[in-house]
Amino acid sequence: MAKAVWAIDKGHSSLEFSVKHMMMSKVKGVFNDFEATVEADVNDLTDAKIEFTVDLNSIDTRKEDRDNHLRSGDFFDVENYPTMTFVATTINKTADNLYDVTGDLTIRGVTKPVTFEITVEGVHKDPWGNEVAGFTGEGKLNRKDFGLVWNAALETGGVLVGEDVTINIELEAHKQA
């Protein structure tokens, strides 16, 4: 299959995250508004062009006060840095349908390399004859590396917010003519 442009179907895609809360549970959330550019041969992603732009105002943890705090200068500072971006720089095939996608992630004006393990879930034709591809991915980052350093000490020891953030991606993409 030749390299093609794939449009993300937002209704069948998600960008989620989780982080430890009080060192014993996880808070999960989503970014409801994101754009992605994928130009690839889905049979071989090694030379794909992959870029993401995430509207940080679209954060949703199902708790408005927490979402507003995450938008504030203590965390994302969306007034000054409204988006988070990712641009793939290196893609290595590690097994059938499995890739390590490393790229530059920028949050709050800080750019660091992050690697996502991406699985090509398959390519099928929908009932209308269009080619559709599915991708899943997971990556981890330390939020402090990007200037997200706010925290609060717990009376019993430890901190309120964990440093490590797991990002999960589910994408359905439609091949463009």
N, C-alpha and C. Protein backbone atom coordinates (compact mmCIF):
# COMPACT_ATOMS: atom_id res chain seq x y z
N MET A 1 0.85 -1.17 0.00
CA MET A 1 0.00 0.00 0.00
C MET A 1 0.90 1.24 0.00
N ALA A 2 0.53 2.24 -0.76
CA ALA A 2 1.31 3.47 -0.85
C ALA A 2 0.96 4.40 0.31
N LYS A 3 1.84 5.36 0.52
CA LYS A 3 1.62 6.37 1.54
C LYS A 3 0.36 7.16 1.19
N ALA A 4 -0.50 7.39 2.20
CA ALA A 4 -1.75 8.11 1.99
C ALA A 4 -2.02 9.02 3.18
N VAL A 5 -2.90 9.98 2.98
CA VAL A 5 -3.34 10.86 4.06
C VAL A 5 -4.54 10.20 4.72
N TRP A 6 -4.53 10.16 6.05
CA TRP A 6 -5.60 9.56 6.83
C TRP A 6 -6.22 10.63 7.72
N ALA A 7 -7.52 10.82 7.61
CA ALA A 7 -8.24 11.80 8.43
C ALA A 7 -8.78 11.11 9.68
N ILE A 8 -8.56 11.74 10.82
CA ILE A 8 -9.01 11.18 12.09
C ILE A 8 -10.52 11.34 12.23
N ASP A 9 -11.19 10.26 12.58
CA ASP A 9 -12.62 10.27 12.87
C ASP A 9 -12.77 10.53 14.37
N LYS A 10 -13.04 11.78 14.72
CA LYS A 10 -13.10 12.15 16.14
C LYS A 10 -14.18 11.42 16.91
N GLY A 11 -15.24 11.02 16.23
CA GLY A 11 -16.32 10.31 16.89
C GLY A 11 -15.94 8.90 17.31
N HIS A 12 -14.85 8.38 16.76
CA HIS A 12 -14.37 7.03 17.07
C HIS A 12 -12.92 7.05 17.53
N SER A 13 -12.48 8.18 18.09
CA SER A 13 -11.10 8.33 18.55
C SER A 13 -11.10 8.98 19.92
N SER A 14 -10.04 8.74 20.68
CA SER A 14 -9.93 9.38 21.99
C SER A 14 -8.47 9.57 22.38
N LEU A 15 -8.27 10.59 23.20
CA LEU A 15 -6.96 10.91 23.76
C LEU A 15 -7.16 11.03 25.27
N GLU A 16 -6.67 10.04 26.00
CA GLU A 16 -6.93 9.94 27.44
C GLU A 16 -5.62 9.97 28.22
N PHE A 17 -5.72 10.27 29.51
CA PHE A 17 -4.54 10.25 30.38
C PHE A 17 -4.95 9.77 31.77
N SER A 18 -3.95 9.32 32.51
CA SER A 18 -4.17 8.97 33.92
C SER A 18 -2.92 9.34 34.71
N VAL A 19 -3.15 9.70 35.99
CA VAL A 19 -2.07 10.09 36.89
C VAL A 19 -2.48 9.69 38.31
N LYS A 20 -1.52 9.30 39.11
CA LYS A 20 -1.80 8.91 40.50
C LYS A 20 -2.33 10.09 41.30
N HIS A 21 -3.30 9.81 42.16
CA HIS A 21 -3.89 10.79 43.06
C HIS A 21 -3.71 10.29 44.48
N MET A 22 -3.10 11.10 45.32
CA MET A 22 -2.85 10.77 46.72
C MET A 22 -2.07 9.46 46.87
N MET A 23 -1.32 9.11 45.85
CA MET A 23 -0.41 7.96 45.86
C MET A 23 -1.14 6.62 45.98
N MET A 24 -2.47 6.61 45.76
CA MET A 24 -3.18 5.35 45.96
C MET A 24 -4.23 5.06 44.90
N SER A 25 -4.67 6.06 44.16
CA SER A 25 -5.66 5.83 43.11
C SER A 25 -5.24 6.62 41.88
N LYS A 26 -6.01 6.51 40.82
CA LYS A 26 -5.68 7.24 39.60
C LYS A 26 -6.82 8.16 39.21
N VAL A 27 -6.46 9.33 38.77
CA VAL A 27 -7.42 10.25 38.14
C VAL A 27 -7.25 10.06 36.65
N LYS A 28 -8.37 9.91 35.96
CA LYS A 28 -8.35 9.76 34.51
C LYS A 28 -9.06 10.93 33.88
N GLY A 29 -8.64 11.26 32.69
CA GLY A 29 -9.26 12.35 31.97
C GLY A 29 -9.07 12.19 30.49
N VAL A 30 -9.70 13.09 29.76
CA VAL A 30 -9.61 13.08 28.30
C VAL A 30 -9.38 14.51 27.82
N PHE A 31 -8.87 14.61 26.61
CA PHE A 31 -8.85 15.86 25.87
C PHE A 31 -9.87 15.68 24.76
N ASN A 32 -10.93 16.48 24.79
CA ASN A 32 -12.04 16.30 23.86
C ASN A 32 -11.79 16.91 22.49
N ASP A 33 -10.82 17.81 22.38
CA ASP A 33 -10.59 18.49 21.11
C ASP A 33 -9.12 18.35 20.72
N PHE A 34 -8.89 17.59 19.66
CA PHE A 34 -7.53 17.44 19.14
C PHE A 34 -7.58 17.21 17.64
N GLU A 35 -6.50 17.57 16.99
CA GLU A 35 -6.34 17.38 15.55
C GLU A 35 -5.12 16.50 15.34
N ALA A 36 -5.15 15.71 14.30
CA ALA A 36 -3.99 14.88 13.97
C ALA A 36 -3.81 14.85 12.47
N THR A 37 -2.55 14.85 12.06
CA THR A 37 -2.18 14.66 10.67
C THR A 37 -1.42 13.36 10.59
N VAL A 38 -1.93 12.44 9.80
CA VAL A 38 -1.26 11.16 9.60
C VAL A 38 -1.13 10.94 8.10
N GLU A 39 0.11 10.86 7.66
CA GLU A 39 0.40 10.52 6.27
C GLU A 39 1.27 9.28 6.33
N ALA A 40 0.72 8.15 5.88
CA ALA A 40 1.42 6.89 6.11
C ALA A 40 0.97 5.78 5.18
N ASP A 41 1.83 4.81 5.05
CA ASP A 41 1.48 3.50 4.52
C ASP A 41 1.21 2.67 5.77
N VAL A 42 -0.03 2.31 6.03
CA VAL A 42 -0.36 1.63 7.28
C VAL A 42 0.26 0.24 7.39
N ASN A 43 0.81 -0.27 6.28
CA ASN A 43 1.52 -1.55 6.34
C ASN A 43 2.97 -1.37 6.79
N ASP A 44 3.45 -0.12 6.80
CA ASP A 44 4.82 0.17 7.22
C ASP A 44 4.88 1.63 7.65
N LEU A 45 4.73 1.87 8.95
CA LEU A 45 4.70 3.24 9.47
C LEU A 45 6.07 3.89 9.58
N THR A 46 7.14 3.19 9.25
CA THR A 46 8.48 3.70 9.54
C THR A 46 8.81 5.04 8.90
N ASP A 47 8.15 5.40 7.81
CA ASP A 47 8.40 6.72 7.21
C ASP A 47 7.16 7.61 7.26
N ALA A 48 6.27 7.35 8.21
CA ALA A 48 5.03 8.11 8.33
C ALA A 48 5.30 9.52 8.86
N LYS A 49 4.39 10.41 8.53
CA LYS A 49 4.36 11.75 9.10
C LYS A 49 3.19 11.76 10.08
N ILE A 50 3.48 12.01 11.35
CA ILE A 50 2.44 12.00 12.38
C ILE A 50 2.59 13.26 13.22
N GLU A 51 1.52 14.03 13.30
CA GLU A 51 1.52 15.25 14.11
C GLU A 51 0.19 15.37 14.85
N PHE A 52 0.24 15.81 16.10
CA PHE A 52 -0.94 16.04 16.91
C PHE A 52 -0.93 17.46 17.45
N THR A 53 -2.09 18.06 17.54
CA THR A 53 -2.28 19.32 18.25
C THR A 53 -3.49 19.14 19.15
N VAL A 54 -3.30 19.41 20.43
CA VAL A 54 -4.36 19.19 21.43
C VAL A 54 -4.75 20.54 22.03
N ASP A 55 -6.04 20.82 22.04
CA ASP A 55 -6.57 22.01 22.70
C ASP A 55 -6.66 21.71 24.19
N LEU A 56 -5.77 22.31 24.97
CA LEU A 56 -5.72 22.02 26.41
C LEU A 56 -6.95 22.52 27.16
N ASN A 57 -7.67 23.48 26.59
CA ASN A 57 -8.93 23.93 27.20
C ASN A 57 -9.96 22.82 27.21
N SER A 58 -9.78 21.81 26.37
CA SER A 58 -10.78 20.73 26.25
C SER A 58 -10.58 19.62 27.27
N ILE A 59 -9.70 19.83 28.25
CA ILE A 59 -9.46 18.81 29.27
C ILE A 59 -10.74 18.52 30.05
N ASP A 60 -10.97 17.25 30.33
CA ASP A 60 -12.19 16.84 31.03
C ASP A 60 -11.88 15.67 31.94
N THR A 61 -11.90 15.93 33.25
CA THR A 61 -11.68 14.88 34.25
C THR A 61 -12.97 14.57 35.01
N ARG A 62 -14.09 15.09 34.50
CA ARG A 62 -15.41 14.92 35.10
C ARG A 62 -15.54 15.68 36.43
N LYS A 63 -14.65 16.66 36.65
CA LYS A 63 -14.76 17.50 37.85
C LYS A 63 -14.31 18.91 37.45
N GLU A 64 -15.28 19.82 37.34
CA GLU A 64 -15.01 21.16 36.81
C GLU A 64 -13.94 21.91 37.59
N ASP A 65 -13.96 21.85 38.92
CA ASP A 65 -12.94 22.55 39.71
C ASP A 65 -11.54 22.04 39.38
N ARG A 66 -11.39 20.73 39.25
CA ARG A 66 -10.09 20.15 38.92
C ARG A 66 -9.67 20.57 37.51
N ASP A 67 -10.62 20.52 36.57
CA ASP A 67 -10.31 20.91 35.19
C ASP A 67 -9.83 22.37 35.14
N ASN A 68 -10.50 23.24 35.87
CA ASN A 68 -10.09 24.65 35.90
C ASN A 68 -8.72 24.81 36.53
N HIS A 69 -8.42 24.03 37.57
CA HIS A 69 -7.09 24.08 38.18
C HIS A 69 -6.03 23.60 37.18
N LEU A 70 -6.34 22.55 36.43
CA LEU A 70 -5.39 22.05 35.43
C LEU A 70 -5.17 23.07 34.31
N ARG A 71 -6.16 23.88 34.00
CA ARG A 71 -6.01 24.93 32.99
C ARG A 71 -5.21 26.13 33.50
N SER A 72 -5.10 26.27 34.81
CA SER A 72 -4.47 27.44 35.43
C SER A 72 -2.95 27.42 35.29
N GLY A 73 -2.34 28.50 35.76
CA GLY A 73 -0.88 28.62 35.75
C GLY A 73 -0.17 27.57 36.60
N ASP A 74 -0.88 26.92 37.51
CA ASP A 74 -0.27 25.85 38.31
C ASP A 74 0.07 24.64 37.44
N PHE A 75 -0.66 24.47 36.34
CA PHE A 75 -0.42 23.31 35.47
C PHE A 75 -0.20 23.76 34.03
N PHE A 76 -1.22 23.65 33.16
CA PHE A 76 -1.03 23.91 31.73
C PHE A 76 -0.90 25.37 31.36
N ASP A 77 -1.42 26.28 32.18
CA ASP A 77 -1.36 27.71 31.87
C ASP A 77 -1.90 27.97 30.47
N VAL A 78 -3.15 27.56 30.24
CA VAL A 78 -3.74 27.64 28.89
C VAL A 78 -3.88 29.06 28.37
N GLU A 79 -3.88 30.04 29.26
CA GLU A 79 -3.94 31.43 28.79
C GLU A 79 -2.72 31.76 27.95
N ASN A 80 -1.57 31.23 28.33
CA ASN A 80 -0.32 31.48 27.60
C ASN A 80 0.09 30.34 26.68
N TYR A 81 -0.35 29.13 26.98
CA TYR A 81 0.03 27.94 26.21
C TYR A 81 -1.24 27.11 25.94
N PRO A 82 -2.06 27.51 24.99
CA PRO A 82 -3.36 26.86 24.79
C PRO A 82 -3.31 25.47 24.16
N THR A 83 -2.15 25.09 23.59
CA THR A 83 -2.09 23.79 22.93
C THR A 83 -0.89 22.97 23.40
N MET A 84 -1.02 21.69 23.21
CA MET A 84 0.06 20.73 23.38
C MET A 84 0.26 20.12 22.00
N THR A 85 1.52 19.94 21.58
CA THR A 85 1.77 19.37 20.25
C THR A 85 2.72 18.19 20.34
N PHE A 86 2.60 17.31 19.35
CA PHE A 86 3.51 16.17 19.20
C PHE A 86 3.82 16.03 17.73
N VAL A 87 5.11 15.92 17.41
CA VAL A 87 5.56 15.71 16.03
C VAL A 87 6.51 14.52 16.05
N ALA A 88 6.14 13.46 15.34
CA ALA A 88 6.99 12.26 15.29
C ALA A 88 8.30 12.57 14.59
N THR A 89 9.39 12.05 15.16
CA THR A 89 10.72 12.25 14.57
C THR A 89 11.37 10.94 14.16
N THR A 90 11.06 9.85 14.85
CA THR A 90 11.64 8.54 14.56
C THR A 90 10.56 7.48 14.80
N ILE A 91 10.44 6.56 13.83
CA ILE A 91 9.47 5.48 13.97
C ILE A 91 10.19 4.17 13.68
N ASN A 92 10.18 3.27 14.67
CA ASN A 92 10.84 1.97 14.54
C ASN A 92 9.82 0.85 14.67
N LYS A 93 9.88 -0.07 13.73
CA LYS A 93 9.01 -1.25 13.80
C LYS A 93 9.64 -2.23 14.79
N THR A 94 8.86 -2.67 15.78
CA THR A 94 9.37 -3.57 16.80
C THR A 94 8.82 -4.98 16.68
N ALA A 95 7.70 -5.14 15.97
CA ALA A 95 7.08 -6.44 15.73
C ALA A 95 5.98 -6.22 14.70
N ASP A 96 5.31 -7.30 14.29
CA ASP A 96 4.20 -7.14 13.35
C ASP A 96 3.17 -6.17 13.93
N ASN A 97 2.86 -5.14 13.17
CA ASN A 97 1.86 -4.14 13.55
C ASN A 97 2.19 -3.35 14.81
N LEU A 98 3.43 -3.40 15.28
CA LEU A 98 3.82 -2.70 16.51
C LEU A 98 5.02 -1.79 16.23
N TYR A 99 4.90 -0.54 16.69
CA TYR A 99 5.92 0.47 16.41
C TYR A 99 6.22 1.29 17.66
N ASP A 100 7.46 1.73 17.78
CA ASP A 100 7.83 2.76 18.74
C ASP A 100 7.89 4.06 17.97
N VAL A 101 7.00 5.00 18.33
CA VAL A 101 6.95 6.29 17.67
C VAL A 101 7.50 7.32 18.65
N THR A 102 8.67 7.85 18.35
CA THR A 102 9.30 8.86 19.19
C THR A 102 9.14 10.21 18.51
N GLY A 103 8.85 11.21 19.32
CA GLY A 103 8.69 12.54 18.75
C GLY A 103 8.86 13.62 19.78
N ASP A 104 8.75 14.84 19.30
CA ASP A 104 8.88 16.02 20.15
C ASP A 104 7.51 16.40 20.69
N LEU A 105 7.36 16.29 22.02
CA LEU A 105 6.14 16.71 22.70
C LEU A 105 6.40 18.07 23.31
N THR A 106 5.51 19.02 23.04
CA THR A 106 5.66 20.37 23.58
C THR A 106 4.47 20.70 24.47
N ILE A 107 4.78 21.04 25.73
CA ILE A 107 3.79 21.47 26.71
C ILE A 107 4.37 22.68 27.42
N ARG A 108 3.60 23.74 27.55
CA ARG A 108 4.03 24.98 28.23
C ARG A 108 5.33 25.54 27.65
N GLY A 109 5.53 25.36 26.35
CA GLY A 109 6.72 25.90 25.70
C GLY A 109 7.96 25.05 25.89
N VAL A 110 7.84 23.90 26.56
CA VAL A 110 8.96 22.99 26.79
C VAL A 110 8.81 21.79 25.85
N THR A 111 9.85 21.49 25.10
CA THR A 111 9.82 20.38 24.15
C THR A 111 10.78 19.29 24.61
N LYS A 112 10.27 18.08 24.71
CA LYS A 112 11.07 16.92 25.13
C LYS A 112 10.67 15.72 24.26
N PRO A 113 11.59 14.77 24.07
CA PRO A 113 11.22 13.56 23.34
C PRO A 113 10.38 12.62 24.21
N VAL A 114 9.35 12.05 23.58
CA VAL A 114 8.49 11.07 24.24
C VAL A 114 8.24 9.95 23.24
N THR A 115 8.21 8.71 23.73
CA THR A 115 7.96 7.57 22.86
C THR A 115 6.62 6.94 23.19
N PHE A 116 5.86 6.66 22.13
CA PHE A 116 4.58 5.97 22.25
C PHE A 116 4.71 4.62 21.57
N GLU A 117 4.18 3.59 22.21
CA GLU A 117 4.09 2.27 21.58
C GLU A 117 2.76 2.23 20.83
N ILE A 118 2.84 2.12 19.51
CA ILE A 118 1.65 2.19 18.66
C ILE A 118 1.40 0.83 18.01
N THR A 119 0.15 0.41 18.05
CA THR A 119 -0.27 -0.82 17.38
C THR A 119 -1.21 -0.45 16.24
N VAL A 120 -0.93 -0.99 15.06
CA VAL A 120 -1.88 -0.88 13.95
C VAL A 120 -2.87 -2.01 14.15
N GLU A 121 -4.11 -1.65 14.49
CA GLU A 121 -5.12 -2.65 14.83
C GLU A 121 -5.72 -3.32 13.60
N GLY A 122 -5.57 -2.68 12.45
CA GLY A 122 -6.09 -3.27 11.23
C GLY A 122 -6.58 -2.22 10.27
N VAL A 123 -6.84 -2.67 9.05
CA VAL A 123 -7.40 -1.81 8.00
C VAL A 123 -8.55 -2.59 7.37
N HIS A 124 -9.70 -1.95 7.29
CA HIS A 124 -10.88 -2.59 6.71
C HIS A 124 -11.64 -1.59 5.85
N LYS A 125 -12.55 -2.09 5.08
CA LYS A 125 -13.46 -1.23 4.33
C LYS A 125 -14.76 -1.12 5.13
N ASP A 126 -15.26 0.10 5.23
CA ASP A 126 -16.54 0.28 5.90
C ASP A 126 -17.68 -0.10 4.95
N PRO A 127 -18.93 -0.07 5.39
CA PRO A 127 -20.04 -0.48 4.52
C PRO A 127 -20.20 0.35 3.25
N TRP A 128 -19.54 1.52 3.18
CA TRP A 128 -19.64 2.39 2.02
C TRP A 128 -18.41 2.28 1.11
N GLY A 129 -17.51 1.33 1.43
CA GLY A 129 -16.35 1.09 0.58
C GLY A 129 -15.12 1.92 0.90
N ASN A 130 -15.15 2.68 1.99
CA ASN A 130 -14.01 3.52 2.38
C ASN A 130 -13.01 2.72 3.22
N GLU A 131 -11.72 2.98 3.01
CA GLU A 131 -10.70 2.32 3.83
C GLU A 131 -10.60 3.01 5.18
N VAL A 132 -10.62 2.22 6.24
CA VAL A 132 -10.55 2.72 7.60
C VAL A 132 -9.47 1.95 8.35
N ALA A 133 -8.61 2.69 9.08
CA ALA A 133 -7.53 2.07 9.84
C ALA A 133 -7.73 2.37 11.33
N GLY A 134 -7.32 1.44 12.16
CA GLY A 134 -7.39 1.63 13.60
C GLY A 134 -6.01 1.56 14.23
N PHE A 135 -5.76 2.45 15.17
CA PHE A 135 -4.48 2.53 15.86
C PHE A 135 -4.73 2.68 17.36
N THR A 136 -3.92 2.03 18.18
CA THR A 136 -3.92 2.28 19.62
C THR A 136 -2.50 2.61 20.02
N GLY A 137 -2.38 3.36 21.11
CA GLY A 137 -1.04 3.71 21.56
C GLY A 137 -1.01 4.05 23.02
N GLU A 138 0.18 3.93 23.58
CA GLU A 138 0.40 4.30 24.98
C GLU A 138 1.80 4.88 25.14
N GLY A 139 1.88 5.91 25.95
CA GLY A 139 3.16 6.51 26.29
C GLY A 139 3.13 7.02 27.71
N LYS A 140 4.31 7.24 28.26
CA LYS A 140 4.42 7.76 29.62
C LYS A 140 5.38 8.93 29.62
N LEU A 141 5.09 9.89 30.50
CA LEU A 141 5.98 11.03 30.64
C LEU A 141 5.97 11.48 32.09
N ASN A 142 7.02 12.22 32.45
CA ASN A 142 7.08 12.85 33.76
C ASN A 142 6.62 14.29 33.59
N ARG A 143 5.52 14.65 34.23
CA ARG A 143 4.94 15.97 34.04
C ARG A 143 5.89 17.09 34.45
N LYS A 144 6.78 16.83 35.43
CA LYS A 144 7.71 17.86 35.89
C LYS A 144 8.71 18.24 34.80
N ASP A 145 8.98 17.32 33.87
CA ASP A 145 9.89 17.62 32.76
C ASP A 145 9.35 18.75 31.88
N PHE A 146 8.04 19.00 31.96
CA PHE A 146 7.39 20.00 31.13
C PHE A 146 6.94 21.22 31.93
N GLY A 147 7.46 21.37 33.15
CA GLY A 147 7.13 22.53 33.97
C GLY A 147 5.82 22.42 34.72
N LEU A 148 5.21 21.24 34.74
CA LEU A 148 3.98 21.02 35.50
C LEU A 148 4.38 20.50 36.88
N VAL A 149 4.79 21.42 37.75
CA VAL A 149 5.43 21.02 39.01
C VAL A 149 4.56 21.19 40.25
N TRP A 150 3.38 21.80 40.12
CA TRP A 150 2.54 22.04 41.29
C TRP A 150 2.25 20.73 42.01
N ASN A 151 2.23 20.79 43.34
CA ASN A 151 1.86 19.64 44.14
C ASN A 151 1.51 20.10 45.54
N ALA A 152 1.00 19.20 46.34
CA ALA A 152 0.70 19.47 47.74
C ALA A 152 1.09 18.24 48.55
N ALA A 153 1.76 18.49 49.67
CA ALA A 153 2.17 17.40 50.55
C ALA A 153 0.96 16.86 51.30
N LEU A 154 0.96 15.55 51.51
CA LEU A 154 -0.10 14.91 52.29
C LEU A 154 0.32 14.81 53.74
N GLU A 155 -0.62 14.94 54.63
CA GLU A 155 -0.36 14.88 56.07
C GLU A 155 0.29 13.55 56.46
N THR A 156 -0.07 12.48 55.76
CA THR A 156 0.43 11.15 56.09
C THR A 156 1.71 10.79 55.31
N GLY A 157 2.26 11.77 54.59
CA GLY A 157 3.43 11.53 53.76
C GLY A 157 3.03 11.37 52.30
N GLY A 158 3.95 11.68 51.43
CA GLY A 158 3.66 11.59 50.01
C GLY A 158 3.08 12.89 49.48
N VAL A 159 2.57 12.82 48.24
CA VAL A 159 2.06 14.02 47.58
C VAL A 159 0.69 13.75 46.97
N LEU A 160 0.00 14.84 46.66
CA LEU A 160 -1.35 14.77 46.11
C LEU A 160 -1.37 14.24 44.67
N VAL A 161 -0.43 14.73 43.82
CA VAL A 161 -0.44 14.40 42.40
C VAL A 161 0.85 13.68 42.02
N GLY A 162 0.73 12.53 41.39
CA GLY A 162 1.90 11.78 40.94
C GLY A 162 2.64 12.52 39.83
N GLU A 163 3.88 12.13 39.61
CA GLU A 163 4.69 12.75 38.57
C GLU A 163 4.48 12.08 37.22
N ASP A 164 4.30 10.77 37.21
CA ASP A 164 4.20 10.02 35.95
C ASP A 164 2.78 10.06 35.40
N VAL A 165 2.68 10.39 34.13
CA VAL A 165 1.40 10.48 33.44
C VAL A 165 1.40 9.46 32.30
N THR A 166 0.36 8.66 32.24
CA THR A 166 0.19 7.71 31.14
C THR A 166 -0.80 8.30 30.15
N ILE A 167 -0.44 8.26 28.87
CA ILE A 167 -1.31 8.76 27.81
C ILE A 167 -1.73 7.58 26.95
N ASN A 168 -3.03 7.46 26.73
CA ASN A 168 -3.60 6.40 25.88
C ASN A 168 -4.29 7.03 24.69
N ILE A 169 -4.04 6.44 23.52
CA ILE A 169 -4.57 6.95 22.26
C ILE A 169 -5.36 5.85 21.57
N GLU A 170 -6.55 6.19 21.12
CA GLU A 170 -7.36 5.30 20.27
C GLU A 170 -7.73 6.13 19.05
N LEU A 171 -7.30 5.68 17.87
CA LEU A 171 -7.60 6.45 16.66
C LEU A 171 -8.27 5.58 15.62
N GLU A 172 -9.31 6.12 15.02
CA GLU A 172 -9.87 5.55 13.81
C GLU A 172 -9.63 6.59 12.73
N ALA A 173 -9.03 6.16 11.64
CA ALA A 173 -8.67 7.08 10.58
C ALA A 173 -9.21 6.59 9.24
N HIS A 174 -9.66 7.56 8.43
CA HIS A 174 -10.23 7.25 7.12
C HIS A 174 -9.29 7.71 6.02
N LYS A 175 -8.99 6.82 5.10
CA LYS A 175 -8.10 7.15 3.99
C LYS A 175 -8.76 8.19 3.10
N GLN A 176 -7.99 9.23 2.79
CA GLN A 176 -8.49 10.30 1.93
C GLN A 176 -8.18 9.99 0.47
N ALA A 177 -9.05 10.41 -0.41
CA ALA A 177 -8.88 10.14 -1.85
C ALA A 177 -7.71 10.92 -2.42
